[in-house]
Structure formats: structure tokens, C-alpha cells
Amino acid sequence: MRHCTKHIQSTTEHRQPGTERREQAPDLPARSMSKACNMIPKSKPRKTAQQVNSQSTAEKKVIADCALQLQQIGDRLDLKQKIINALSKLLNPGT
């Protein structure tokens, strides 16, 4: 490990200031812009409205039926809870 650090220190001592950035920068000639353009990530095509709304009418109907059933179940549970609360108030007047 010591040998590696000595080697790194000896190579950095002989460099001129400012050359580190030039050595780290990618080697892209100004004339060949095609290479630079190939390095830029390409954007994906946007989704059309048909791809976003790809649910069929059957799927939409199933979802609507499920939502309706869940709403009915919630209404029944709410009604049962209201009845239980009313009975508890009548039978337990001390609370």
C-alpha cells in the first residue's frame, strides 16, 4: 500500500497545475459531433391516450360493480353501528 501511495505522489508532483482536469475530461474532438450525440440519452416516446386508457369496458364495469358493492357494505355497517349506539344509549342511561 505504501508503494502505491508513493507512486501516486511522485506522479502528481511532476504535473503542471490545471492539467488534472484536462486528463480527466473525455477525449471528444470538436469535429466529430456524432460521437457526442450518441452519448446523449434518447428520450422515450410519449404514451398516447389510448395506451394510458387501455382498460376495456368489461374491466371498467367490474370496477364499478365492485365499488358499488363496497359502498353498500359500508352503508350496512354504518346502519348497524347507528342502531347499536342508539340501543346502548337507551339501555345505559348512566353514561
PDB file of N, CA and C in Angstrom:
ATOM      1  N   MET A   1       0.825  -1.196   0.000  1.00  0.00           N
ATOM      2  CA  MET A   1       0.000   0.000   0.000  1.00  0.00           C
ATOM      3  C   MET A   1       0.868   1.258   0.000  1.00  0.00           C
ATOM      4  N   ARG A   2       1.957   1.200   0.746  1.00  0.00           N
ATOM      5  CA  ARG A   2       2.834   2.368   0.801  1.00  0.00           C
ATOM      6  C   ARG A   2       3.474   2.635  -0.552  1.00  0.00           C
ATOM      7  N   HIS A   3       3.803   1.566  -1.249  1.00  0.00           N
ATOM      8  CA  HIS A   3       4.421   1.721  -2.561  1.00  0.00           C
ATOM      9  C   HIS A   3       3.471   2.440  -3.520  1.00  0.00           C
ATOM     10  N   CYS A   4       2.163   2.087  -3.453  1.00  0.00           N
ATOM     11  CA  CYS A   4       1.177   2.723  -4.343  1.00  0.00           C
ATOM     12  C   CYS A   4       1.035   4.203  -4.034  1.00  0.00           C
ATOM     13  N   THR A   5       1.004   4.557  -2.777  1.00  0.00           N
ATOM     14  CA  THR A   5       0.840   5.975  -2.444  1.00  0.00           C
ATOM     15  C   THR A   5       2.074   6.775  -2.827  1.00  0.00           C
ATOM     16  N   LYS A   6       3.255   6.170  -2.698  1.00  0.00           N
ATOM     17  CA  LYS A   6       4.467   6.873  -3.121  1.00  0.00           C
ATOM     18  C   LYS A   6       4.463   7.103  -4.622  1.00  0.00           C
ATOM     19  N   HIS A   7       3.985   6.100  -5.369  1.00  0.00           N
ATOM     20  CA  HIS A   7       3.928   6.231  -6.822  1.00  0.00           C
ATOM     21  C   HIS A   7       2.945   7.322  -7.230  1.00  0.00           C
ATOM     22  N   ILE A   8       1.793   7.379  -6.550  1.00  0.00           N
ATOM     23  CA  ILE A   8       0.791   8.402  -6.870  1.00  0.00           C
ATOM     24  C   ILE A   8       1.345   9.782  -6.547  1.00  0.00           C
ATOM     25  N   GLN A   9       2.012   9.914  -5.416  1.00  0.00           N
ATOM     26  CA  GLN A   9       2.567  11.207  -5.045  1.00  0.00           C
ATOM     27  C   GLN A   9       3.656  11.640  -6.011  1.00  0.00           C
ATOM     28  N   SER A  10       4.476  10.691  -6.445  1.00  0.00           N
ATOM     29  CA  SER A  10       5.561  11.063  -7.350  1.00  0.00           C
ATOM     30  C   SER A  10       5.028  11.475  -8.715  1.00  0.00           C
ATOM     31  N   THR A  11       3.933  10.868  -9.180  1.00  0.00           N
ATOM     32  CA  THR A  11       3.391  11.250 -10.483  1.00  0.00           C
ATOM     33  C   THR A  11       2.652  12.570 -10.409  1.00  0.00           C
ATOM     34  N   THR A  12       2.025  12.872  -9.285  1.00  0.00           N
ATOM     35  CA  THR A  12       1.295  14.132  -9.182  1.00  0.00           C
ATOM     36  C   THR A  12       2.226  15.307  -8.958  1.00  0.00           C
ATOM     37  N   GLU A  13       3.405  15.074  -8.435  1.00  0.00           N
ATOM     38  CA  GLU A  13       4.335  16.169  -8.195  1.00  0.00           C
ATOM     39  C   GLU A  13       4.876  16.745  -9.498  1.00  0.00           C
ATOM     40  N   HIS A  14       4.993  15.933 -10.534  1.00  0.00           N
ATOM     41  CA  HIS A  14       5.595  16.381 -11.786  1.00  0.00           C
ATOM     42  C   HIS A  14       4.591  17.048 -12.724  1.00  0.00           C
ATOM     43  N   ARG A  15       3.325  17.029 -12.386  1.00  0.00           N
ATOM     44  CA  ARG A  15       2.306  17.624 -13.259  1.00  0.00           C
ATOM     45  C   ARG A  15       2.254  19.129 -13.065  1.00  0.00           C
ATOM     46  N   GLN A  16       1.840  19.785 -14.130  1.00  0.00           N
ATOM     47  CA  GLN A  16       1.651  21.222 -14.046  1.00  0.00           C
ATOM     48  C   GLN A  16       0.256  21.482 -13.505  1.00  0.00           C
ATOM     49  N   PRO A  17       0.038  22.611 -12.826  1.00  0.00           N
ATOM     50  CA  PRO A  17      -1.296  22.905 -12.297  1.00  0.00           C
ATOM     51  C   PRO A  17      -2.306  23.075 -13.430  1.00  0.00           C
ATOM     52  N   GLY A  18      -3.491  22.531 -13.231  1.00  0.00           N
ATOM     53  CA  GLY A  18      -4.558  22.654 -14.224  1.00  0.00           C
ATOM     54  C   GLY A  18      -4.624  21.513 -15.206  1.00  0.00           C
ATOM     55  N   THR A  19      -3.625  20.644 -15.227  1.00  0.00           N
ATOM     56  CA  THR A  19      -3.639  19.534 -16.183  1.00  0.00           C
ATOM     57  C   THR A  19      -4.495  18.377 -15.701  1.00  0.00           C
ATOM     58  N   GLU A  20      -4.830  18.348 -14.423  1.00  0.00           N
ATOM     59  CA  GLU A  20      -5.643  17.251 -13.897  1.00  0.00           C
ATOM     60  C   GLU A  20      -7.020  17.236 -14.544  1.00  0.00           C
ATOM     61  N   ARG A  21      -7.610  18.385 -14.711  1.00  0.00           N
ATOM     62  CA  ARG A  21      -8.939  18.442 -15.320  1.00  0.00           C
ATOM     63  C   ARG A  21      -8.888  18.013 -16.777  1.00  0.00           C
ATOM     64  N   ARG A  22      -7.851  18.404 -17.472  1.00  0.00           N
ATOM     65  CA  ARG A  22      -7.737  18.010 -18.873  1.00  0.00           C
ATOM     66  C   ARG A  22      -7.557  16.510 -19.007  1.00  0.00           C
ATOM     67  N   GLU A  23      -6.839  15.911 -18.081  1.00  0.00           N
ATOM     68  CA  GLU A  23      -6.621  14.473 -18.148  1.00  0.00           C
ATOM     69  C   GLU A  23      -7.888  13.700 -17.802  1.00  0.00           C
ATOM     70  N   GLN A  24      -8.732  14.241 -16.933  1.00  0.00           N
ATOM     71  CA  GLN A  24      -9.953  13.558 -16.539  1.00  0.00           C
ATOM     72  C   GLN A  24     -11.075  13.765 -17.546  1.00  0.00           C
ATOM     73  N   ALA A  25     -11.019  14.800 -18.337  1.00  0.00           N
ATOM     74  CA  ALA A  25     -12.085  15.094 -19.288  1.00  0.00           C
ATOM     75  C   ALA A  25     -12.094  14.053 -20.399  1.00  0.00           C
ATOM     76  N   PRO A  26     -13.284  13.687 -20.905  1.00  0.00           N
ATOM     77  CA  PRO A  26     -13.340  12.725 -22.006  1.00  0.00           C
ATOM     78  C   PRO A  26     -12.733  13.309 -23.275  1.00  0.00           C
ATOM     79  N   ASP A  27     -12.125  12.473 -24.071  1.00  0.00           N
ATOM     80  CA  ASP A  27     -11.447  12.905 -25.285  1.00  0.00           C
ATOM     81  C   ASP A  27     -12.462  12.949 -26.425  1.00  0.00           C
ATOM     82  N   LEU A  28     -13.078  14.110 -26.654  1.00  0.00           N
ATOM     83  CA  LEU A  28     -14.058  14.277 -27.723  1.00  0.00           C
ATOM     84  C   LEU A  28     -13.568  15.356 -28.678  1.00  0.00           C
ATOM     85  N   PRO A  29     -13.205  14.999 -29.892  1.00  0.00           N
ATOM     86  CA  PRO A  29     -12.808  16.031 -30.848  1.00  0.00           C
ATOM     87  C   PRO A  29     -14.007  16.878 -31.256  1.00  0.00           C
ATOM     88  N   ALA A  30     -13.746  18.134 -31.567  1.00  0.00           N
ATOM     89  CA  ALA A  30     -14.829  19.055 -31.887  1.00  0.00           C
ATOM     90  C   ALA A  30     -15.487  18.719 -33.216  1.00  0.00           C
ATOM     91  N   ARG A  31     -14.756  18.096 -34.115  1.00  0.00           N
ATOM     92  CA  ARG A  31     -15.306  17.819 -35.443  1.00  0.00           C
ATOM     93  C   ARG A  31     -16.274  16.644 -35.449  1.00  0.00           C
ATOM     94  N   SER A  32     -16.091  15.705 -34.591  1.00  0.00           N
ATOM     95  CA  SER A  32     -16.963  14.523 -34.624  1.00  0.00           C
ATOM     96  C   SER A  32     -18.077  14.671 -33.596  1.00  0.00           C
ATOM     97  N   MET A  33     -19.080  15.426 -33.930  1.00  0.00           N
ATOM     98  CA  MET A  33     -20.210  15.635 -33.040  1.00  0.00           C
ATOM     99  C   MET A  33     -21.125  14.424 -32.983  1.00  0.00           C
ATOM    100  N   SER A  34     -20.990  13.528 -33.954  1.00  0.00           N
ATOM    101  CA  SER A  34     -21.849  12.349 -33.931  1.00  0.00           C
ATOM    102  C   SER A  34     -21.555  11.481 -32.719  1.00  0.00           C
ATOM    103  N   LYS A  35     -20.290  11.401 -32.309  1.00  0.00           N
ATOM    104  CA  LYS A  35     -19.955  10.634 -31.114  1.00  0.00           C
ATOM    105  C   LYS A  35     -20.569  11.276 -29.881  1.00  0.00           C
ATOM    106  N   ALA A  36     -20.517  12.592 -29.816  1.00  0.00           N
ATOM    107  CA  ALA A  36     -21.083  13.291 -28.670  1.00  0.00           C
ATOM    108  C   ALA A  36     -22.593  13.135 -28.638  1.00  0.00           C
ATOM    109  N   CYS A  37     -23.228  13.149 -29.803  1.00  0.00           N
ATOM    110  CA  CYS A  37     -24.677  12.989 -29.855  1.00  0.00           C
ATOM    111  C   CYS A  37     -25.094  11.579 -29.464  1.00  0.00           C
ATOM    112  N   ASN A  38     -24.259  10.597 -29.768  1.00  0.00           N
ATOM    113  CA  ASN A  38     -24.584   9.227 -29.387  1.00  0.00           C
ATOM    114  C   ASN A  38     -24.489   9.017 -27.887  1.00  0.00           C
ATOM    115  N   MET A  39     -23.744   9.860 -27.197  1.00  0.00           N
ATOM    116  CA  MET A  39     -23.607   9.720 -25.754  1.00  0.00           C
ATOM    117  C   MET A  39     -24.797  10.301 -25.008  1.00  0.00           C
ATOM    118  N   ILE A  40     -25.566  11.177 -25.642  1.00  0.00           N
ATOM    119  CA  ILE A  40     -26.722  11.786 -25.011  1.00  0.00           C
ATOM    120  C   ILE A  40     -27.840  10.753 -24.957  1.00  0.00           C
ATOM    121  N   PRO A  41     -28.461  10.537 -23.780  1.00  0.00           N
ATOM    122  CA  PRO A  41     -29.548   9.556 -23.718  1.00  0.00           C
ATOM    123  C   PRO A  41     -30.750  10.035 -24.517  1.00  0.00           C
ATOM    124  N   LYS A  42     -31.349   9.118 -25.237  1.00  0.00           N
ATOM    125  CA  LYS A  42     -32.503   9.465 -26.061  1.00  0.00           C
ATOM    126  C   LYS A  42     -33.769   9.372 -25.229  1.00  0.00           C
ATOM    127  N   SER A  43     -34.705  10.272 -25.500  1.00  0.00           N
ATOM    128  CA  SER A  43     -35.950  10.268 -24.741  1.00  0.00           C
ATOM    129  C   SER A  43     -36.887   9.204 -25.284  1.00  0.00           C
ATOM    130  N   LYS A  44     -37.725   8.718 -24.401  1.00  0.00           N
ATOM    131  CA  LYS A  44     -38.697   7.701 -24.785  1.00  0.00           C
ATOM    132  C   LYS A  44     -39.903   8.388 -25.420  1.00  0.00           C
ATOM    133  N   PRO A  45     -40.572   7.735 -26.344  1.00  0.00           N
ATOM    134  CA  PRO A  45     -41.767   8.343 -26.925  1.00  0.00           C
ATOM    135  C   PRO A  45     -42.872   8.447 -25.881  1.00  0.00           C
ATOM    136  N   ARG A  46     -43.659   9.473 -26.004  1.00  0.00           N
ATOM    137  CA  ARG A  46     -44.747   9.684 -25.048  1.00  0.00           C
ATOM    138  C   ARG A  46     -45.864   8.680 -25.280  1.00  0.00           C
ATOM    139  N   LYS A  47     -46.542   8.358 -24.197  1.00  0.00           N
ATOM    140  CA  LYS A  47     -47.662   7.426 -24.301  1.00  0.00           C
ATOM    141  C   LYS A  47     -48.868   8.168 -24.870  1.00  0.00           C
ATOM    142  N   THR A  48     -49.568   7.518 -25.734  1.00  0.00           N
ATOM    143  CA  THR A  48     -50.767   8.128 -26.288  1.00  0.00           C
ATOM    144  C   THR A  48     -51.929   7.910 -25.337  1.00  0.00           C
ATOM    145  N   ALA A  49     -53.007   8.584 -25.591  1.00  0.00           N
ATOM    146  CA  ALA A  49     -54.182   8.467 -24.733  1.00  0.00           C
ATOM    147  C   ALA A  49     -54.751   7.054 -24.770  1.00  0.00           C
ATOM    148  N   GLN A  50     -54.603   6.377 -25.886  1.00  0.00           N
ATOM    149  CA  GLN A  50     -55.121   5.018 -25.983  1.00  0.00           C
ATOM    150  C   GLN A  50     -54.316   4.067 -25.112  1.00  0.00           C
ATOM    151  N   GLN A  51     -53.026   4.250 -25.021  1.00  0.00           N
ATOM    152  CA  GLN A  51     -52.212   3.377 -24.191  1.00  0.00           C
ATOM    153  C   GLN A  51     -52.481   3.617 -22.712  1.00  0.00           C
ATOM    154  N   VAL A  52     -52.697   4.863 -22.324  1.00  0.00           N
ATOM    155  CA  VAL A  52     -52.951   5.177 -20.929  1.00  0.00           C
ATOM    156  C   VAL A  52     -54.316   4.642 -20.513  1.00  0.00           C
ATOM    157  N   ASN A  53     -55.324   4.835 -21.327  1.00  0.00           N
ATOM    158  CA  ASN A  53     -56.679   4.377 -21.036  1.00  0.00           C
ATOM    159  C   ASN A  53     -56.941   3.048 -21.725  1.00  0.00           C
ATOM    160  N   SER A  54     -56.112   2.053 -21.438  1.00  0.00           N
ATOM    161  CA  SER A  54     -56.223   0.782 -22.135  1.00  0.00           C
ATOM    162  C   SER A  54     -57.203  -0.174 -21.472  1.00  0.00           C
ATOM    163  N   GLN A  55     -57.883   0.253 -20.414  1.00  0.00           N
ATOM    164  CA  GLN A  55     -58.845  -0.625 -19.764  1.00  0.00           C
ATOM    165  C   GLN A  55     -60.043  -0.828 -20.681  1.00  0.00           C
ATOM    166  N   SER A  56     -60.443  -2.071 -20.786  1.00  0.00           N
ATOM    167  CA  SER A  56     -61.595  -2.365 -21.629  1.00  0.00           C
ATOM    168  C   SER A  56     -62.874  -1.996 -20.882  1.00  0.00           C
ATOM    169  N   THR A  57     -63.967  -1.995 -21.601  1.00  0.00           N
ATOM    170  CA  THR A  57     -65.249  -1.661 -20.980  1.00  0.00           C
ATOM    171  C   THR A  57     -65.647  -2.713 -19.958  1.00  0.00           C
ATOM    172  N   ALA A  58     -65.254  -3.971 -20.184  1.00  0.00           N
ATOM    173  CA  ALA A  58     -65.575  -5.025 -19.218  1.00  0.00           C
ATOM    174  C   ALA A  58     -64.843  -4.782 -17.897  1.00  0.00           C
ATOM    175  N   GLU A  59     -63.575  -4.365 -17.980  1.00  0.00           N
ATOM    176  CA  GLU A  59     -62.820  -4.078 -16.761  1.00  0.00           C
ATOM    177  C   GLU A  59     -63.417  -2.894 -16.016  1.00  0.00           C
ATOM    178  N   LYS A  60     -63.829  -1.879 -16.752  1.00  0.00           N
ATOM    179  CA  LYS A  60     -64.439  -0.713 -16.117  1.00  0.00           C
ATOM    180  C   LYS A  60     -65.748  -1.082 -15.435  1.00  0.00           C
ATOM    181  N   LYS A  61     -66.518  -1.983 -16.057  1.00  0.00           N
ATOM    182  CA  LYS A  61     -67.787  -2.408 -15.469  1.00  0.00           C
ATOM    183  C   LYS A  61     -67.544  -3.196 -14.183  1.00  0.00           C
ATOM    184  N   VAL A  62     -66.540  -4.068 -14.189  1.00  0.00           N
ATOM    185  CA  VAL A  62     -66.218  -4.850 -12.993  1.00  0.00           C
ATOM    186  C   VAL A  62     -65.782  -3.928 -11.857  1.00  0.00           C
ATOM    187  N   ILE A  63     -64.985  -2.932 -12.174  1.00  0.00           N
ATOM    188  CA  ILE A  63     -64.519  -1.991 -11.155  1.00  0.00           C
ATOM    189  C   ILE A  63     -65.690  -1.202 -10.582  1.00  0.00           C
ATOM    190  N   ALA A  64     -66.606  -0.774 -11.433  1.00  0.00           N
ATOM    191  CA  ALA A  64     -67.771  -0.022 -10.973  1.00  0.00           C
ATOM    192  C   ALA A  64     -68.660  -0.889 -10.087  1.00  0.00           C
ATOM    193  N   ASP A  65     -68.858  -2.163 -10.467  1.00  0.00           N
ATOM    194  CA  ASP A  65     -69.682  -3.072  -9.659  1.00  0.00           C
ATOM    195  C   ASP A  65     -69.044  -3.314  -8.292  1.00  0.00           C
ATOM    196  N   CYS A  66     -67.740  -3.485  -8.278  1.00  0.00           N
ATOM    197  CA  CYS A  66     -67.025  -3.709  -7.022  1.00  0.00           C
ATOM    198  C   CYS A  66     -67.146  -2.490  -6.108  1.00  0.00           C
ATOM    199  N   ALA A  67     -67.003  -1.307  -6.676  1.00  0.00           N
ATOM    200  CA  ALA A  67     -67.115  -0.084  -5.890  1.00  0.00           C
ATOM    201  C   ALA A  67     -68.520   0.066  -5.321  1.00  0.00           C
ATOM    202  N   LEU A  68     -69.531  -0.278  -6.107  1.00  0.00           N
ATOM    203  CA  LEU A  68     -70.914  -0.197  -5.643  1.00  0.00           C
ATOM    204  C   LEU A  68     -71.163  -1.173  -4.497  1.00  0.00           C
ATOM    205  N   GLN A  69     -70.657  -2.399  -4.626  1.00  0.00           N
ATOM    206  CA  GLN A  69     -70.833  -3.391  -3.566  1.00  0.00           C
ATOM    207  C   GLN A  69     -70.130  -2.963  -2.279  1.00  0.00           C
ATOM    208  N   LEU A  70     -68.938  -2.419  -2.399  1.00  0.00           N
ATOM    209  CA  LEU A  70     -68.230  -1.942  -1.211  1.00  0.00           C
ATOM    210  C   LEU A  70     -68.973  -0.795  -0.534  1.00  0.00           C
ATOM    211  N   GLN A  71     -69.582   0.060  -1.327  1.00  0.00           N
ATOM    212  CA  GLN A  71     -70.351   1.169  -0.767  1.00  0.00           C
ATOM    213  C   GLN A  71     -71.574   0.650  -0.026  1.00  0.00           C
ATOM    214  N   GLN A  72     -72.250  -0.351  -0.588  1.00  0.00           N
ATOM    215  CA  GLN A  72     -73.419  -0.936   0.066  1.00  0.00           C
ATOM    216  C   GLN A  72     -73.034  -1.620   1.375  1.00  0.00           C
ATOM    217  N   ILE A  73     -71.905  -2.328   1.383  1.00  0.00           N
ATOM    218  CA  ILE A  73     -71.439  -2.978   2.608  1.00  0.00           C
ATOM    219  C   ILE A  73     -71.132  -1.928   3.675  1.00  0.00           C
ATOM    220  N   GLY A  74     -70.501  -0.851   3.279  1.00  0.00           N
ATOM    221  CA  GLY A  74     -70.199   0.224   4.218  1.00  0.00           C
ATOM    222  C   GLY A  74     -71.455   0.863   4.772  1.00  0.00           C
ATOM    223  N   ASP A  75     -72.475   1.041   3.934  1.00  0.00           N
ATOM    224  CA  ASP A  75     -73.740   1.608   4.394  1.00  0.00           C
ATOM    225  C   ASP A  75     -74.408   0.693   5.415  1.00  0.00           C
ATOM    226  N   ARG A  76     -74.372  -0.631   5.170  1.00  0.00           N
ATOM    227  CA  ARG A  76     -74.973  -1.588   6.115  1.00  0.00           C
ATOM    228  C   ARG A  76     -74.249  -1.555   7.459  1.00  0.00           C
ATOM    229  N   LEU A  77     -72.923  -1.534   7.412  1.00  0.00           N
ATOM    230  CA  LEU A  77     -72.164  -1.491   8.661  1.00  0.00           C
ATOM    231  C   LEU A  77     -72.415  -0.192   9.417  1.00  0.00           C
ATOM    232  N   ASP A  78     -72.554   0.910   8.702  1.00  0.00           N
ATOM    233  CA  ASP A  78     -72.837   2.191   9.333  1.00  0.00           C
ATOM    234  C   ASP A  78     -74.213   2.164   9.985  1.00  0.00           C
ATOM    235  N   LEU A  79     -75.198   1.571   9.311  1.00  0.00           N
ATOM    236  CA  LEU A  79     -76.549   1.469   9.869  1.00  0.00           C
ATOM    237  C   LEU A  79     -76.540   0.596  11.120  1.00  0.00           C
ATOM    238  N   LYS A  80     -75.822  -0.531  11.071  1.00  0.00           N
ATOM    239  CA  LYS A  80     -75.739  -1.406  12.248  1.00  0.00           C
ATOM    240  C   LYS A  80     -75.090  -0.674  13.417  1.00  0.00           C
ATOM    241  N   GLN A  81     -74.053   0.086  13.158  1.00  0.00           N
ATOM    242  CA  GLN A  81     -73.372   0.822  14.221  1.00  0.00           C
ATOM    243  C   GLN A  81     -74.283   1.883  14.816  1.00  0.00           C
ATOM    244  N   LYS A  82     -75.082   2.551  13.982  1.00  0.00           N
ATOM    245  CA  LYS A  82     -76.016   3.555  14.491  1.00  0.00           C
ATOM    246  C   LYS A  82     -77.079   2.914  15.369  1.00  0.00           C
ATOM    247  N   ILE A  83     -77.572   1.728  14.979  1.00  0.00           N
ATOM    248  CA  ILE A  83     -78.579   1.018  15.782  1.00  0.00           C
ATOM    249  C   ILE A  83     -77.979   0.602  17.122  1.00  0.00           C
ATOM    250  N   ILE A  84     -76.762   0.089  17.114  1.00  0.00           N
ATOM    251  CA  ILE A  84     -76.102  -0.329  18.352  1.00  0.00           C
ATOM    252  C   ILE A  84     -75.883   0.870  19.269  1.00  0.00           C
ATOM    253  N   ASN A  85     -75.493   1.997  18.731  1.00  0.00           N
ATOM    254  CA  ASN A  85     -75.282   3.199  19.540  1.00  0.00           C
ATOM    255  C   ASN A  85     -76.590   3.682  20.157  1.00  0.00           C
ATOM    256  N   ALA A  86     -77.688   3.640  19.385  1.00  0.00           N
ATOM    257  CA  ALA A  86     -78.991   4.071  19.906  1.00  0.00           C
ATOM    258  C   ALA A  86     -79.456   3.141  21.026  1.00  0.00           C
ATOM    259  N   LEU A  87     -79.292   1.827  20.847  1.00  0.00           N
ATOM    260  CA  LEU A  87     -79.695   0.874  21.886  1.00  0.00           C
ATOM    261  C   LEU A  87     -78.847   1.042  23.146  1.00  0.00           C
ATOM    262  N   SER A  88     -77.575   1.291  22.988  1.00  0.00           N
ATOM    263  CA  SER A  88     -76.720   1.456  24.164  1.00  0.00           C
ATOM    264  C   SER A  88     -77.084   2.720  24.940  1.00  0.00           C
ATOM    265  N   LYS A  89     -77.521   3.768  24.260  1.00  0.00           N
ATOM    266  CA  LYS A  89     -77.951   4.983  24.949  1.00  0.00           C
ATOM    267  C   LYS A  89     -79.256   4.750  25.702  1.00  0.00           C
ATOM    268  N   LEU A  90     -80.162   3.957  25.107  1.00  0.00           N
ATOM    269  CA  LEU A  90     -81.440   3.683  25.775  1.00  0.00           C
ATOM    270  C   LEU A  90     -81.255   2.754  26.974  1.00  0.00           C
ATOM    271  N   LEU A  91     -80.420   1.751  26.841  1.00  0.00           N
ATOM    272  CA  LEU A  91     -80.276   0.759  27.900  1.00  0.00           C
ATOM    273  C   LEU A  91     -79.275   1.177  28.974  1.00  0.00           C
ATOM    274  N   ASN A  92     -78.379   2.076  28.683  1.00  0.00           N
ATOM    275  CA  ASN A  92     -77.382   2.550  29.650  1.00  0.00           C
ATOM    276  C   ASN A  92     -77.521   4.057  29.835  1.00  0.00           C
ATOM    277  N   PRO A  93     -78.534   4.499  30.587  1.00  0.00           N
ATOM    278  CA  PRO A  93     -78.746   5.946  30.718  1.00  0.00           C
ATOM    279  C   PRO A  93     -77.687   6.639  31.586  1.00  0.00           C
ATOM    280  N   GLY A  94     -76.887   5.888  32.327  1.00  0.00           N
ATOM    281  CA  GLY A  94     -75.908   6.499  33.226  1.00  0.00           C
ATOM    282  C   GLY A  94     -74.666   7.010  32.522  1.00  0.00           C
ATOM    283  N   THR A  95     -74.441   6.668  31.279  1.00  0.00           N
ATOM    284  CA  THR A  95     -73.203   7.080  30.624  1.00  0.00           C
ATOM    285  C   THR A  95     -73.340   8.378  29.895  1.00  0.00           C
TER     286      THR A  95
END
